[in-house]
C-alpha atoms as a PDB file:
ATOM      1  CA  MET A   1     139.692 115.300  95.335  1.00  0.00           C
ATOM      2  CA  SER A   2     137.501 118.402  95.082  1.00  0.00           C
ATOM      3  CA  MET A   3     138.390 118.785  91.387  1.00  0.00           C
ATOM      4  CA  MET A   4     137.432 115.180  90.683  1.00  0.00           C
ATOM      5  CA  LEU A   5     134.073 115.476  92.410  1.00  0.00           C
ATOM      6  CA  ALA A   6     133.269 118.666  90.516  1.00  0.00           C
ATOM      7  CA  ALA A   7     133.918 116.886  87.223  1.00  0.00           C
ATOM      8  CA  LEU A   8     131.697 113.978  88.211  1.00  0.00           C
ATOM      9  CA  ALA A   9     128.856 116.335  89.048  1.00  0.00           C
ATOM     10  CA  GLY A  10     128.829 117.671  85.502  1.00  0.00           C
ATOM     11  CA  ALA A  11     128.759 114.297  83.711  1.00  0.00           C
ATOM     12  CA  ALA A  12     126.956 111.262  85.043  1.00  0.00           C
ATOM     13  CA  LEU A  13     125.841 107.796  84.007  1.00  0.00           C
ATOM     14  CA  THR A  14     122.102 107.108  83.794  1.00  0.00           C
ATOM     15  CA  ARG A  15     120.807 103.613  84.525  1.00  0.00           C
ATOM     16  CA  ALA A  16     118.194 101.835  82.393  1.00  0.00           C
ATOM     17  CA  MET A  17     114.698 102.306  83.798  1.00  0.00           C
ATOM     18  CA  PRO A  18     111.391 100.527  83.048  1.00  0.00           C
ATOM     19  CA  ALA A  19     109.312 102.310  80.416  1.00  0.00           C
ATOM     20  CA  THR A  20     106.155 100.792  81.938  1.00  0.00           C
ATOM     21  CA  SER A  21     105.116  99.996  85.487  1.00  0.00           C
ATOM     22  CA  ALA A  22     106.944  96.905  86.739  1.00  0.00           C
ATOM     23  CA  GLY A  23     103.736  95.831  88.466  1.00  0.00           C
ATOM     24  CA  SER A  24     102.075  95.319  85.074  1.00  0.00           C
ATOM     25  CA  TRP A  25     104.639  92.880  83.717  1.00  0.00           C
ATOM     26  CA  LEU A  26     102.940  89.726  85.029  1.00  0.00           C
ATOM     27  CA  SER A  27      99.507  88.652  86.260  1.00  0.00           C
ATOM     28  CA  ASP A  28      97.835  85.563  87.726  1.00  0.00           C
ATOM     29  CA  PHE A  29      97.203  84.353  84.159  1.00  0.00           C
ATOM     30  CA  ASP A  30     100.968  83.916  83.726  1.00  0.00           C
ATOM     31  CA  TYR A  31     101.246  81.431  86.585  1.00  0.00           C
ATOM     32  CA  PRO A  32     102.513  78.032  85.324  1.00  0.00           C
ATOM     33  CA  ALA A  33      99.666  75.522  85.511  1.00  0.00           C
ATOM     34  CA  GLY A  34     101.923  72.858  86.981  1.00  0.00           C
ATOM     35  CA  SER A  35     103.067  75.201  89.718  1.00  0.00           C
ATOM     36  CA  VAL A  36      99.458  75.974  90.637  1.00  0.00           C
ATOM     37  CA  LYS A  37      98.656  72.276  90.959  1.00  0.00           C
ATOM     38  CA  ARG A  38     101.758  71.700  93.093  1.00  0.00           C
ATOM     39  CA  ARG A  39     101.064  74.856  95.181  1.00  0.00           C
ATOM     40  CA  GLU A  40     104.500  76.252  94.396  1.00  0.00           C
ATOM     41  CA  GLU A  41     105.339  79.807  95.499  1.00  0.00           C
ATOM     42  CA  GLY A  42     108.464  81.838  96.111  1.00  0.00           C
ATOM     43  CA  PRO A  43     110.767  84.692  95.094  1.00  0.00           C
ATOM     44  CA  VAL A  44     112.888  84.597  91.945  1.00  0.00           C
ATOM     45  CA  GLY A  45     115.898  86.900  91.706  1.00  0.00           C
ATOM     46  CA  PHE A  46     116.701  87.906  88.144  1.00  0.00           C
ATOM     47  CA  SER A  47     118.973  90.103  86.058  1.00  0.00           C
ATOM     48  CA  MET A  48     118.141  91.440  82.595  1.00  0.00           C
ATOM     49  CA  LEU A  49     120.594  92.752  80.015  1.00  0.00           C
ATOM     50  CA  VAL A  50     119.069  95.903  78.530  1.00  0.00           C
ATOM     51  CA  ALA A  51     120.355  96.885  75.077  1.00  0.00           C
ATOM     52  CA  PRO A  52     120.989 100.500  73.995  1.00  0.00           C
ATOM     53  CA  ASP A  53     117.569 100.553  72.273  1.00  0.00           C
ATOM     54  CA  GLY A  54     115.811  99.608  75.536  1.00  0.00           C
ATOM     55  CA  LYS A  55     115.047  95.998  74.575  1.00  0.00           C
ATOM     56  CA  VAL A  56     115.865  93.123  76.929  1.00  0.00           C
ATOM     57  CA  THR A  57     118.252  90.766  75.152  1.00  0.00           C
ATOM     58  CA  ARG A  58     119.115  88.337  77.961  1.00  0.00           C
ATOM     59  CA  CYS A  59     117.635  87.285  81.277  1.00  0.00           C
ATOM     60  CA  PHE A  60     119.374  85.350  84.045  1.00  0.00           C
ATOM     61  CA  VAL A  61     117.991  83.823  87.222  1.00  0.00           C
ATOM     62  CA  THR A  62     120.281  85.015  90.016  1.00  0.00           C
ATOM     63  CA  LYS A  63     118.383  83.404  92.902  1.00  0.00           C
ATOM     64  CA  SER A  64     116.159  80.389  92.374  1.00  0.00           C
ATOM     65  CA  SER A  65     112.732  80.012  93.934  1.00  0.00           C
ATOM     66  CA  GLY A  66     113.481  76.326  94.256  1.00  0.00           C
ATOM     67  CA  PHE A  67     110.891  75.546  91.571  1.00  0.00           C
ATOM     68  CA  PRO A  68     112.139  75.244  87.952  1.00  0.00           C
ATOM     69  CA  ASP A  69     108.804  76.206  86.364  1.00  0.00           C
ATOM     70  CA  LEU A  70     108.646  79.501  88.261  1.00  0.00           C
ATOM     71  CA  ASP A  71     112.280  80.309  87.473  1.00  0.00           C
ATOM     72  CA  GLN A  72     111.878  79.570  83.754  1.00  0.00           C
ATOM     73  CA  ARG A  73     108.573  81.436  83.417  1.00  0.00           C
ATOM     74  CA  THR A  74     110.042  84.543  85.023  1.00  0.00           C
ATOM     75  CA  CYS A  75     112.690  85.058  82.363  1.00  0.00           C
ATOM     76  CA  ALA A  76     110.503  83.805  79.491  1.00  0.00           C
ATOM     77  CA  ILE A  77     107.944  86.536  80.134  1.00  0.00           C
ATOM     78  CA  MET A  78     110.471  89.262  80.945  1.00  0.00           C
ATOM     79  CA  LEU A  79     112.152  88.774  77.570  1.00  0.00           C
ATOM     80  CA  ILE A  80     108.972  89.412  75.596  1.00  0.00           C
ATOM     81  CA  ARG A  81     107.039  91.842  77.795  1.00  0.00           C
ATOM     82  CA  THR A  82     109.442  94.366  79.300  1.00  0.00           C
ATOM     83  CA  LYS A  83     110.646  97.587  77.716  1.00  0.00           C
ATOM     84  CA  PHE A  84     113.115 100.096  79.104  1.00  0.00           C
ATOM     85  CA  LYS A  85     114.310 103.641  78.767  1.00  0.00           C
ATOM     86  CA  SER A  86     117.897 103.068  77.703  1.00  0.00           C
ATOM     87  CA  ALA A  87     120.918 103.684  79.883  1.00  0.00           C
ATOM     88  CA  ARG A  88     123.118 106.643  78.974  1.00  0.00           C
ATOM     89  CA  ASP A  89     126.823 107.245  79.368  1.00  0.00           C
ATOM     90  CA  GLU A  90     128.359 110.454  80.689  1.00  0.00           C
ATOM     91  CA  ASN A  91     128.002 112.020  77.233  1.00  0.00           C
ATOM     92  CA  GLY A  92     124.338 111.057  76.818  1.00  0.00           C
ATOM     93  CA  SER A  93     124.962 108.181  74.387  1.00  0.00           C
ATOM     94  CA  PRO A  94     122.932 104.957  74.907  1.00  0.00           C
ATOM     95  CA  LEU A  95     124.694 101.797  76.090  1.00  0.00           C
ATOM     96  CA  TYR A  96     123.990  98.461  77.747  1.00  0.00           C
ATOM     97  CA  ASP A  97     122.980  98.047  81.375  1.00  0.00           C
ATOM     98  CA  LEU A  98     121.901  95.301  83.765  1.00  0.00           C
ATOM     99  CA  TYR A  99     118.549  95.581  85.541  1.00  0.00           C
ATOM    100  CA  ASN A 100     118.294  93.500  88.728  1.00  0.00           C
ATOM    101  CA  GLY A 101     115.105  92.652  90.557  1.00  0.00           C
ATOM    102  CA  THR A 102     113.095  90.103  92.506  1.00  0.00           C
ATOM    103  CA  LEU A 103     109.698  88.706  91.559  1.00  0.00           C
ATOM    104  CA  THR A 104     107.691  86.922  94.254  1.00  0.00           C
ATOM    105  CA  TRP A 105     105.270  84.384  92.832  1.00  0.00           C
ATOM    106  CA  ARG A 106     102.125  83.960  94.932  1.00  0.00           C
ATOM    107  CA  LEU A 107      99.348  81.555  94.044  1.00  0.00           C
ATOM    108  CA  PRO A 108      96.425  83.053  92.072  1.00  0.00           C
ATOM    109  CA  GLY A 109      94.180  85.111  94.285  1.00  0.00           C
ATOM    110  CA  LYS A 110      97.072  86.355  96.404  1.00  0.00           C
ATOM    111  CA  GLY A 111      98.571  88.589  93.709  1.00  0.00           C
ATOM    112  CA  ILE A 112     102.044  88.405  92.169  1.00  0.00           C
ATOM    113  CA  GLY A 113     104.664  90.566  93.808  1.00  0.00           C
ATOM    114  CA  ARG A 114     106.279  93.182  91.602  1.00  0.00           C
ATOM    115  CA  PRO A 115     110.027  93.357  90.973  1.00  0.00           C
ATOM    116  CA  LEU A 116     111.938  95.305  93.612  1.00  0.00           C
ATOM    117  CA  PRO A 117     114.931  96.885  91.838  1.00  0.00           C
ATOM    118  CA  LYS A 118     115.158  99.832  94.245  1.00  0.00           C
ATOM    119  CA  SER A 119     115.674  97.674  97.327  1.00  0.00           C
ATOM    120  CA  PRO A 120     118.915  95.787  96.529  1.00  0.00           C
ATOM    121  CA  PRO A 121     120.089  93.223  99.082  1.00  0.00           C
ATOM    122  CA  VAL A 122     123.191  93.832 101.128  1.00  0.00           C
ATOM    123  CA  ILE A 123     126.019  92.239  99.172  1.00  0.00           C
ATOM    124  CA  GLU A 124     129.637  91.442  99.818  1.00  0.00           C
ATOM    125  CA  PRO A 125     132.205  93.838  98.312  1.00  0.00           C
ATOM    126  CA  ASP A 126     133.442  93.038  94.810  1.00  0.00           C
ATOM    127  CA  MET A 127     136.943  93.941  95.949  1.00  0.00           C
ATOM    128  CA  ILE A 128     138.712  94.685  99.229  1.00  0.00           C
ATOM    129  CA  ILE A 129     141.423  97.345  99.592  1.00  0.00           C
ATOM    130  CA  GLU A 130     143.706  97.404 102.620  1.00  0.00           C
ATOM    131  CA  VAL A 131     144.878 100.848 103.764  1.00  0.00           C
ATOM    132  CA  GLN A 132     146.965 102.254 106.608  1.00  0.00           C
ATOM    133  CA  GLN A 133     144.083 104.226 108.079  1.00  0.00           C
ATOM    134  CA  LEU A 134     140.524 105.346 107.372  1.00  0.00           C
ATOM    135  CA  PRO A 135     138.779 108.658 108.102  1.00  0.00           C
ATOM    136  CA  GLY A 136     137.507 108.999 111.652  1.00  0.00           C
ATOM    137  CA  GLY A 137     139.589 106.094 112.913  1.00  0.00           C
ATOM    138  CA  ILE A 138     137.150 103.436 111.698  1.00  0.00           C
ATOM    139  CA  GLU A 139     138.385  99.949 110.823  1.00  0.00           C
ATOM    140  CA  GLU A 140     136.193  99.210 107.784  1.00  0.00           C
ATOM    141  CA  GLU A 141     134.157 101.183 105.235  1.00  0.00           C
ATOM    142  CA  ALA A 142     132.562 100.466 101.852  1.00  0.00           C
ATOM    143  CA  VAL A 143     131.547 102.618  98.900  1.00  0.00           C
ATOM    144  CA  SER A 144     129.453 101.873  95.831  1.00  0.00           C
ATOM    145  CA  ILE A 145     130.488 103.165  92.424  1.00  0.00           C
ATOM    146  CA  LEU A 146     129.117 103.056  88.889  1.00  0.00           C
ATOM    147  CA  THR A 147     131.518 102.499  86.016  1.00  0.00           C
ATOM    148  CA  ARG A 148     131.286 102.538  82.240  1.00  0.00           C
ATOM    149  CA  ILE A 149     132.997  99.599  80.589  1.00  0.00           C
ATOM    150  CA  ASP A 150     134.299 100.386  77.105  1.00  0.00           C
ATOM    151  CA  VAL A 151     134.688  98.154  74.034  1.00  0.00           C
ATOM    152  CA  THR A 152     138.025  96.844  75.349  1.00  0.00           C
ATOM    153  CA  GLY A 153     136.341  95.502  78.484  1.00  0.00           C
ATOM    154  CA  HIS A 154     137.983  98.017  80.822  1.00  0.00           C
ATOM    155  CA  VAL A 155     136.686 100.823  83.044  1.00  0.00           C
ATOM    156  CA  ALA A 156     136.666 104.095  81.093  1.00  0.00           C
ATOM    157  CA  PHE A 157     134.542 106.254  83.420  1.00  0.00           C
ATOM    158  CA  CYS A 158     133.706 106.076  87.120  1.00  0.00           C
ATOM    159  CA  GLN A 159     131.376 107.913  89.497  1.00  0.00           C
ATOM    160  CA  PRO A 160     129.767 107.441  92.933  1.00  0.00           C
ATOM    161  CA  ASN A 161     126.601 105.327  92.854  1.00  0.00           C
ATOM    162  CA  PRO A 162     123.797 107.763  93.779  1.00  0.00           C
ATOM    163  CA  THR A 163     121.656 104.910  95.136  1.00  0.00           C
ATOM    164  CA  TYR A 164     123.983 104.582  98.127  1.00  0.00           C
ATOM    165  CA  LYS A 165     125.468 106.912 100.693  1.00  0.00           C
ATOM    166  CA  ASN A 166     129.170 107.069  99.861  1.00  0.00           C
ATOM    167  CA  SER A 167     132.246 108.446 101.550  1.00  0.00           C
ATOM    168  CA  ALA A 168     133.570 111.027  99.103  1.00  0.00           C
ATOM    169  CA  ALA A 169     137.073 110.562 100.502  1.00  0.00           C
ATOM    170  CA  LEU A 170     137.132 106.916  99.371  1.00  0.00           C
ATOM    171  CA  VAL A 171     135.478 107.182  95.947  1.00  0.00           C
ATOM    172  CA  LYS A 172     138.685 108.202  94.190  1.00  0.00           C
ATOM    173  CA  GLY A 173     140.560 105.150  95.494  1.00  0.00           C
ATOM    174  CA  ALA A 174     137.694 102.830  94.604  1.00  0.00           C
ATOM    175  CA  CYS A 175     137.574 104.165  91.036  1.00  0.00           C
ATOM    176  CA  ALA A 176     141.342 103.858  90.657  1.00  0.00           C
ATOM    177  CA  GLN A 177     141.273 100.216  91.765  1.00  0.00           C
ATOM    178  CA  ALA A 178     138.401  99.377  89.424  1.00  0.00           C
ATOM    179  CA  LYS A 179     140.257 100.917  86.489  1.00  0.00           C
ATOM    180  CA  ALA A 180     143.454  99.064  87.349  1.00  0.00           C
ATOM    181  CA  LEU A 181     142.081  95.622  88.176  1.00  0.00           C
ATOM    182  CA  TYR A 182     138.790  94.960  86.415  1.00  0.00           C
ATOM    183  CA  THR A 183     138.240  93.330  83.024  1.00  0.00           C
ATOM    184  CA  SER A 184     134.633  92.683  82.001  1.00  0.00           C
ATOM    185  CA  ASP A 185     133.376  89.210  81.133  1.00  0.00           C
ATOM    186  CA  MET A 186     130.099  90.520  79.676  1.00  0.00           C
ATOM    187  CA  LYS A 187     130.340  89.915  75.924  1.00  0.00           C
ATOM    188  CA  ASP A 188     128.155  90.006  72.845  1.00  0.00           C
ATOM    189  CA  ASP A 189     127.360  86.985  70.662  1.00  0.00           C
ATOM    190  CA  ALA A 190     130.619  87.501  68.732  1.00  0.00           C
ATOM    191  CA  GLY A 191     132.677  87.406  71.930  1.00  0.00           C
ATOM    192  CA  ASN A 192     133.415  91.137  72.077  1.00  0.00           C
ATOM    193  CA  PRO A 193     133.139  93.123  75.338  1.00  0.00           C
ATOM    194  CA  LEU A 194     129.896  95.059  75.707  1.00  0.00           C
ATOM    195  CA  PRO A 195     129.965  98.794  76.455  1.00  0.00           C
ATOM    196  CA  ILE A 196     127.933  98.612  79.644  1.00  0.00           C
ATOM    197  CA  ILE A 197     127.317 100.236  83.015  1.00  0.00           C
ATOM    198  CA  GLN A 198     128.872  98.117  85.774  1.00  0.00           C
ATOM    199  CA  PRO A 199     128.311  98.815  89.478  1.00  0.00           C
ATOM    200  CA  PHE A 200     130.934  97.882  92.061  1.00  0.00           C
ATOM    201  CA  ARG A 201     130.940  97.747  95.825  1.00  0.00           C
ATOM    202  CA  VAL A 202     134.460  98.366  97.116  1.00  0.00           C
ATOM    203  CA  GLY A 203     135.400  97.639 100.712  1.00  0.00           C
ATOM    204  CA  PHE A 204     138.239  99.366 102.571  1.00  0.00           C
ATOM    205  CA  ARG A 205     139.789  98.000 105.753  1.00  0.00           C
ATOM    206  CA  VAL A 206     142.745  98.898 107.870  1.00  0.00           C
ATOM    207  CA  ALA A 207     145.661  96.524 107.288  1.00  0.00           C
ATOM    208  CA  PRO A 208     146.737  94.441 110.302  1.00  0.00           C
ATOM    209  CA  LYS A 209     149.761  95.846 112.102  1.00  0.00           C
END
């Protein structure tokens, strides 16, 4: 375990980051006219696919505001206005990444809320691993890892996610499971797997006796 962690410290994945302030991406002038008339407000969760050159190539609404015009305008503007510093693999080469955030639309005069990528919601684990016991006698624990998916769609590199507090004793098992079980469904226009950074949240629980 100590040898693995030492190797990870010397080579790490770097996530895509905005090249400009996220608060400058939208303004009151971008508010859909129909939504203003109908007094529509609300948060829109979104995910953007950032290419190796830092351009946003796709945008997905991950949580609807409940108002189609606000949802559609969010991604329409993100695709043409945002620019990123590209993600980097463990060797420093650029690759794809997903940028997740939330934009809260407030009616003109109230100000539009900026995306909040650094405050991710609590999410369910992507996979659950049952074990005989966990450190300290606890029944459940979860770790977050970052992986690099290669051109075959499989995990080629894995590290702890620095955004979260992780149990070092469980990272190795989480990475092993991701490498063994995961196949990416993120593909390019030709249907080929994208080399991309993929985060995972892996839960561990003690198996029933």
